[in-house]
Amino acid sequence: MIIEKTNKEIIFRLPADINIDELQDMKEWFKYMEIARNSKAQQEDVDLLVKEAKKGRWEKRKADLLK
């Protein structure tokens, strides 16, 4: 593996036989880091957002399972 840094980017050179699915997972992690780096959200904001997203999820899932 070779890691190279230019003025505009960082380049990872990997053997061609590496598992492409694992690379996709790494790509998603790097994308997350890129987005989070510029975020001004506080942990408290994230916790509230997660709580709101989960609200009612179990009741909806139960209703779907009973259909």
Protein backbone atom coordinates (compact mmCIF):
# COMPACT_ATOMS: atom_id res chain seq x y z
CA MET A 1 0.00 0.00 0.00
CA ILE A 2 1.20 3.48 -0.85
CA ILE A 3 -0.24 6.74 0.47
CA GLU A 4 0.65 9.82 -1.54
CA LYS A 5 -0.25 13.43 -0.75
CA THR A 6 -0.44 16.10 -3.45
CA ASN A 7 -1.45 19.75 -3.12
CA LYS A 8 -5.11 18.90 -3.69
CA GLU A 9 -5.65 15.30 -2.57
CA ILE A 10 -4.43 12.18 -0.81
CA ILE A 11 -4.08 9.08 -2.97
CA PHE A 12 -4.20 5.52 -1.63
CA ARG A 13 -2.67 2.89 -3.91
CA LEU A 14 -3.77 -0.64 -3.04
CA PRO A 15 -3.24 -4.06 -4.60
CA ALA A 16 -5.84 -4.93 -7.25
CA ASP A 17 -6.90 -8.09 -5.41
CA ILE A 18 -8.30 -6.22 -2.39
CA ASN A 19 -12.00 -6.77 -1.58
CA ILE A 20 -13.91 -3.97 -3.32
CA ASP A 21 -16.82 -4.19 -0.82
CA GLU A 22 -14.46 -3.37 2.05
CA LEU A 23 -13.19 -0.39 0.07
CA GLN A 24 -16.78 0.83 -0.34
CA ASP A 25 -17.19 0.74 3.44
CA MET A 26 -13.99 2.77 3.83
CA LYS A 27 -15.19 5.26 1.20
CA GLU A 28 -18.41 5.80 3.16
CA TRP A 29 -16.41 6.34 6.37
CA PHE A 30 -14.18 8.92 4.64
CA LYS A 31 -17.27 10.67 3.27
CA TYR A 32 -18.73 10.80 6.79
CA MET A 33 -15.48 12.31 8.12
CA GLU A 34 -15.50 14.90 5.33
CA ILE A 35 -19.08 15.95 6.12
CA ALA A 36 -18.59 15.91 9.90
CA ARG A 37 -15.42 18.00 9.63
CA ASN A 38 -17.46 21.01 8.47
CA SER A 39 -20.41 20.45 10.80
CA LYS A 40 -21.22 22.92 13.53
CA ALA A 41 -23.65 20.51 15.20
CA GLN A 42 -23.13 19.71 18.86
CA GLN A 43 -23.51 16.18 20.25
CA GLU A 44 -26.68 17.36 21.96
CA ASP A 45 -28.15 18.28 18.54
CA VAL A 46 -27.24 14.88 17.14
CA ASP A 47 -28.79 13.08 20.11
CA LEU A 48 -32.06 14.99 19.65
CA LEU A 49 -32.12 14.23 15.93
CA VAL A 50 -31.57 10.50 16.55
CA LYS A 51 -34.29 10.46 19.20
CA GLU A 52 -36.72 12.14 16.79
CA ALA A 53 -35.82 9.76 13.95
CA LYS A 54 -36.41 6.73 16.18
CA LYS A 55 -39.70 8.04 17.60
CA GLY A 56 -42.55 5.72 16.71
CA ARG A 57 -40.28 3.36 14.77
CA TRP A 58 -41.08 0.31 16.90
CA GLU A 59 -44.84 0.90 16.76
CA LYS A 60 -44.70 1.22 12.96
CA ARG A 61 -42.58 -1.93 12.67
CA LYS A 62 -44.98 -3.86 14.93
CA ALA A 63 -47.92 -2.74 12.81
CA ASP A 64 -46.11 -3.85 9.64
CA LEU A 65 -45.32 -7.26 11.15
CA LEU A 66 -48.95 -7.82 12.17
CA LYS A 67 -50.25 -7.22 8.61
